[in-house]
C-alpha atoms as a PDB file:
ATOM      1  CA  GLN A   1     161.671  83.456 184.022  1.00  0.00           C
ATOM      2  CA  VAL A   2     159.842  80.451 182.944  1.00  0.00           C
ATOM      3  CA  ARG A   3     161.589  77.146 182.395  1.00  0.00           C
ATOM      4  CA  LEU A   4     159.915  74.540 180.081  1.00  0.00           C
ATOM      5  CA  VAL A   5     161.173  70.944 179.926  1.00  0.00           C
ATOM      6  CA  GLU A   6     159.744  68.468 177.326  1.00  0.00           C
ATOM      7  CA  PHE A   7     159.480  64.685 177.821  1.00  0.00           C
ATOM      8  CA  GLY A   8     158.540  61.730 175.737  1.00  0.00           C
ATOM      9  CA  GLY A   9     159.924  61.897 172.323  1.00  0.00           C
ATOM     10  CA  GLY A  10     161.136  59.023 170.401  1.00  0.00           C
ATOM     11  CA  LEU A  11     160.803  56.684 167.353  1.00  0.00           C
ATOM     12  CA  VAL A  12     157.522  55.477 166.360  1.00  0.00           C
ATOM     13  CA  GLU A  13     156.060  53.700 163.172  1.00  0.00           C
ATOM     14  CA  SER A  14     153.668  55.360 160.874  1.00  0.00           C
ATOM     15  CA  GLY A  15     150.061  55.025 162.228  1.00  0.00           C
ATOM     16  CA  GLY A  16     151.384  54.777 165.816  1.00  0.00           C
ATOM     17  CA  SER A  17     150.858  56.933 168.876  1.00  0.00           C
ATOM     18  CA  LEU A  18     153.103  58.944 171.189  1.00  0.00           C
ATOM     19  CA  THR A  19     152.427  61.218 174.142  1.00  0.00           C
ATOM     20  CA  LEU A  20     154.650  64.281 174.913  1.00  0.00           C
ATOM     21  CA  ARG A  21     154.654  65.984 178.148  1.00  0.00           C
ATOM     22  CA  CYS A  22     155.947  69.554 179.084  1.00  0.00           C
ATOM     23  CA  SER A  23     156.768  70.602 182.656  1.00  0.00           C
ATOM     24  CA  ALA A  24     156.655  74.311 183.242  1.00  0.00           C
ATOM     25  CA  SER A  25     158.250  76.037 186.268  1.00  0.00           C
ATOM     26  CA  GLY A  26     159.271  79.482 187.468  1.00  0.00           C
ATOM     27  CA  SER A  27     157.224  82.763 187.233  1.00  0.00           C
ATOM     28  CA  LEU A  28     154.284  81.632 185.348  1.00  0.00           C
ATOM     29  CA  SER A  29     151.481  84.344 184.975  1.00  0.00           C
ATOM     30  CA  SER A  30     147.679  83.801 185.408  1.00  0.00           C
ATOM     31  CA  PRO A  31     146.312  83.438 182.942  1.00  0.00           C
ATOM     32  CA  ASN A  32     148.837  81.826 180.544  1.00  0.00           C
ATOM     33  CA  THR A  33     149.013  79.690 177.470  1.00  0.00           C
ATOM     34  CA  LEU A  34     151.241  76.593 176.988  1.00  0.00           C
ATOM     35  CA  GLY A  35     151.550  75.037 173.613  1.00  0.00           C
ATOM     36  CA  TRP A  36     153.573  72.836 171.167  1.00  0.00           C
ATOM     37  CA  HIS A  37     155.406  73.649 167.886  1.00  0.00           C
ATOM     38  CA  ARG A  38     157.286  71.458 165.586  1.00  0.00           C
ATOM     39  CA  GLN A  39     160.403  72.032 163.625  1.00  0.00           C
ATOM     40  CA  GLY A  40     161.511  69.738 160.916  1.00  0.00           C
ATOM     41  CA  THR A  41     165.084  69.390 159.442  1.00  0.00           C
ATOM     42  CA  GLY A  42     165.597  72.592 157.334  1.00  0.00           C
ATOM     43  CA  THR A  43     162.127  73.956 158.015  1.00  0.00           C
ATOM     44  CA  GLN A  44     160.635  76.774 160.165  1.00  0.00           C
ATOM     45  CA  ARG A  45     159.069  76.158 163.455  1.00  0.00           C
ATOM     46  CA  ASP A  46     155.318  75.431 162.868  1.00  0.00           C
ATOM     47  CA  TYR A  47     152.466  75.793 165.413  1.00  0.00           C
ATOM     48  CA  VAL A  48     150.872  72.333 166.421  1.00  0.00           C
ATOM     49  CA  ALA A  49     148.489  73.193 169.388  1.00  0.00           C
ATOM     50  CA  ALA A  50     148.000  75.395 172.413  1.00  0.00           C
ATOM     51  CA  ILE A  51     145.875  75.428 175.615  1.00  0.00           C
ATOM     52  CA  ASN A  52     145.236  78.125 178.059  1.00  0.00           C
ATOM     53  CA  SER A  53     144.945  78.055 181.815  1.00  0.00           C
ATOM     54  CA  ASP A  54     141.064  78.052 181.323  1.00  0.00           C
ATOM     55  CA  GLY A  55     141.334  74.828 179.369  1.00  0.00           C
ATOM     56  CA  ASP A  56     140.601  76.420 175.976  1.00  0.00           C
ATOM     57  CA  SER A  57     142.407  74.631 173.113  1.00  0.00           C
ATOM     58  CA  HIS A  58     143.307  75.259 169.525  1.00  0.00           C
ATOM     59  CA  TYR A  59     145.005  73.056 166.956  1.00  0.00           C
ATOM     60  CA  SER A  60     146.751  73.489 163.600  1.00  0.00           C
ATOM     61  CA  ARG A  61     144.887  72.027 160.628  1.00  0.00           C
ATOM     62  CA  SER A  62     147.456  69.096 160.579  1.00  0.00           C
ATOM     63  CA  ALA A  63     146.879  68.292 164.074  1.00  0.00           C
ATOM     64  CA  ARG A  64     143.235  68.571 164.423  1.00  0.00           C
ATOM     65  CA  GLY A  65     141.431  65.219 164.685  1.00  0.00           C
ATOM     66  CA  ARG A  66     144.635  63.323 165.345  1.00  0.00           C
ATOM     67  CA  PHE A  67     146.344  65.191 168.399  1.00  0.00           C
ATOM     68  CA  THR A  68     144.828  66.084 171.721  1.00  0.00           C
ATOM     69  CA  ILE A  69     146.368  68.665 173.971  1.00  0.00           C
ATOM     70  CA  SER A  70     145.498  68.624 177.680  1.00  0.00           C
ATOM     71  CA  ARG A  71     146.642  70.364 180.868  1.00  0.00           C
ATOM     72  CA  ASP A  72     147.183  69.718 184.520  1.00  0.00           C
ATOM     73  CA  ASN A  73     147.133  73.206 186.152  1.00  0.00           C
ATOM     74  CA  ALA A  74     148.064  71.963 189.633  1.00  0.00           C
ATOM     75  CA  ARG A  75     151.330  70.471 188.174  1.00  0.00           C
ATOM     76  CA  ASN A  76     151.841  73.107 185.457  1.00  0.00           C
ATOM     77  CA  GLN A  77     152.185  70.402 182.944  1.00  0.00           C
ATOM     78  CA  ILE A  78     150.705  69.934 179.461  1.00  0.00           C
ATOM     79  CA  TYR A  79     150.517  66.839 177.305  1.00  0.00           C
ATOM     80  CA  LEU A  80     150.185  66.153 173.699  1.00  0.00           C
ATOM     81  CA  GLN A  81     148.654  62.844 172.755  1.00  0.00           C
ATOM     82  CA  MET A  82     149.518  62.100 169.049  1.00  0.00           C
ATOM     83  CA  ASN A  83     147.650  59.445 167.252  1.00  0.00           C
ATOM     84  CA  SER A  84     147.751  58.216 163.607  1.00  0.00           C
ATOM     85  CA  LEU A  85     151.317  59.561 163.316  1.00  0.00           C
ATOM     86  CA  ARG A  86     152.673  60.313 159.892  1.00  0.00           C
ATOM     87  CA  PRO A  87     156.190  60.695 158.572  1.00  0.00           C
ATOM     88  CA  GLU A  88     155.624  64.400 158.051  1.00  0.00           C
ATOM     89  CA  ASP A  89     154.976  64.655 161.840  1.00  0.00           C
ATOM     90  CA  THR A  90     158.740  64.070 162.300  1.00  0.00           C
ATOM     91  CA  GLY A  91     160.685  66.853 164.024  1.00  0.00           C
ATOM     92  CA  VAL A  92     161.742  68.395 167.163  1.00  0.00           C
ATOM     93  CA  TYR A  93     158.698  69.363 169.280  1.00  0.00           C
ATOM     94  CA  TYR A  94     159.080  72.469 171.403  1.00  0.00           C
ATOM     95  CA  CYS A  95     156.903  73.362 174.423  1.00  0.00           C
ATOM     96  CA  SER A  96     155.986  77.025 174.332  1.00  0.00           C
ATOM     97  CA  TYR A  97     154.684  79.612 176.780  1.00  0.00           C
ATOM     98  CA  HIS A  98     153.255  83.172 176.838  1.00  0.00           C
ATOM     99  CA  ALA A  99     151.680  85.235 179.595  1.00  0.00           C
ATOM    100  CA  THR A 100     148.069  85.642 178.132  1.00  0.00           C
ATOM    101  CA  ASP A 101     145.085  83.328 177.557  1.00  0.00           C
ATOM    102  CA  ASP A 102     145.350  84.090 173.769  1.00  0.00           C
ATOM    103  CA  LEU A 103     145.869  80.792 172.087  1.00  0.00           C
ATOM    104  CA  ILE A 104     147.411  82.077 168.840  1.00  0.00           C
ATOM    105  CA  ILE A 105     150.063  84.709 169.499  1.00  0.00           C
ATOM    106  CA  ARG A 106     153.708  84.141 169.322  1.00  0.00           C
ATOM    107  CA  PRO A 107     155.218  82.509 172.432  1.00  0.00           C
ATOM    108  CA  SER A 108     157.807  84.357 174.613  1.00  0.00           C
ATOM    109  CA  ASP A 109     159.473  81.299 176.065  1.00  0.00           C
ATOM    110  CA  TRP A 110     160.592  77.868 174.650  1.00  0.00           C
ATOM    111  CA  GLY A 111     161.820  74.568 175.951  1.00  0.00           C
ATOM    112  CA  GLN A 112     164.794  72.789 174.481  1.00  0.00           C
ATOM    113  CA  GLY A 113     162.743  70.396 172.495  1.00  0.00           C
ATOM    114  CA  THR A 114     162.219  66.624 172.104  1.00  0.00           C
ATOM    115  CA  GLN A 115     162.756  64.687 169.028  1.00  0.00           C
ATOM    116  CA  VAL A 116     159.855  62.642 167.445  1.00  0.00           C
ATOM    117  CA  THR A 117     160.630  60.458 164.402  1.00  0.00           C
ATOM    118  CA  VAL A 118     157.983  58.735 162.547  1.00  0.00           C
ATOM    119  CA  SER A 119     159.144  55.955 160.242  1.00  0.00           C
ATOM    120  CA  SER A 120     157.326  55.058 157.107  1.00  0.00           C
END
């Protein structure tokens, strides 16, 4: 069982920045991948970025160049630094986990999510 808890959501103006943090605990495998997905109102949950325990990362087309995912393996935490935020980045951001180093397979575990709202 893996527990994921997200921190750092909030309200920010368009063009602003925000950093999310996810803390993972429980029976984490080695290797593993932690990541972020976003779900807007009435939309599906979309992939944002992922990073594995080797430090390899991958981004969605929308996130590349504006967001940076990083990881602290000692603390089992990941971060998502989001810059140049746009109203379309608004949504609930979910931390995700799966027990391989594959960056793009569907996660097996999810956090409860944290709301990010970008005002225009």
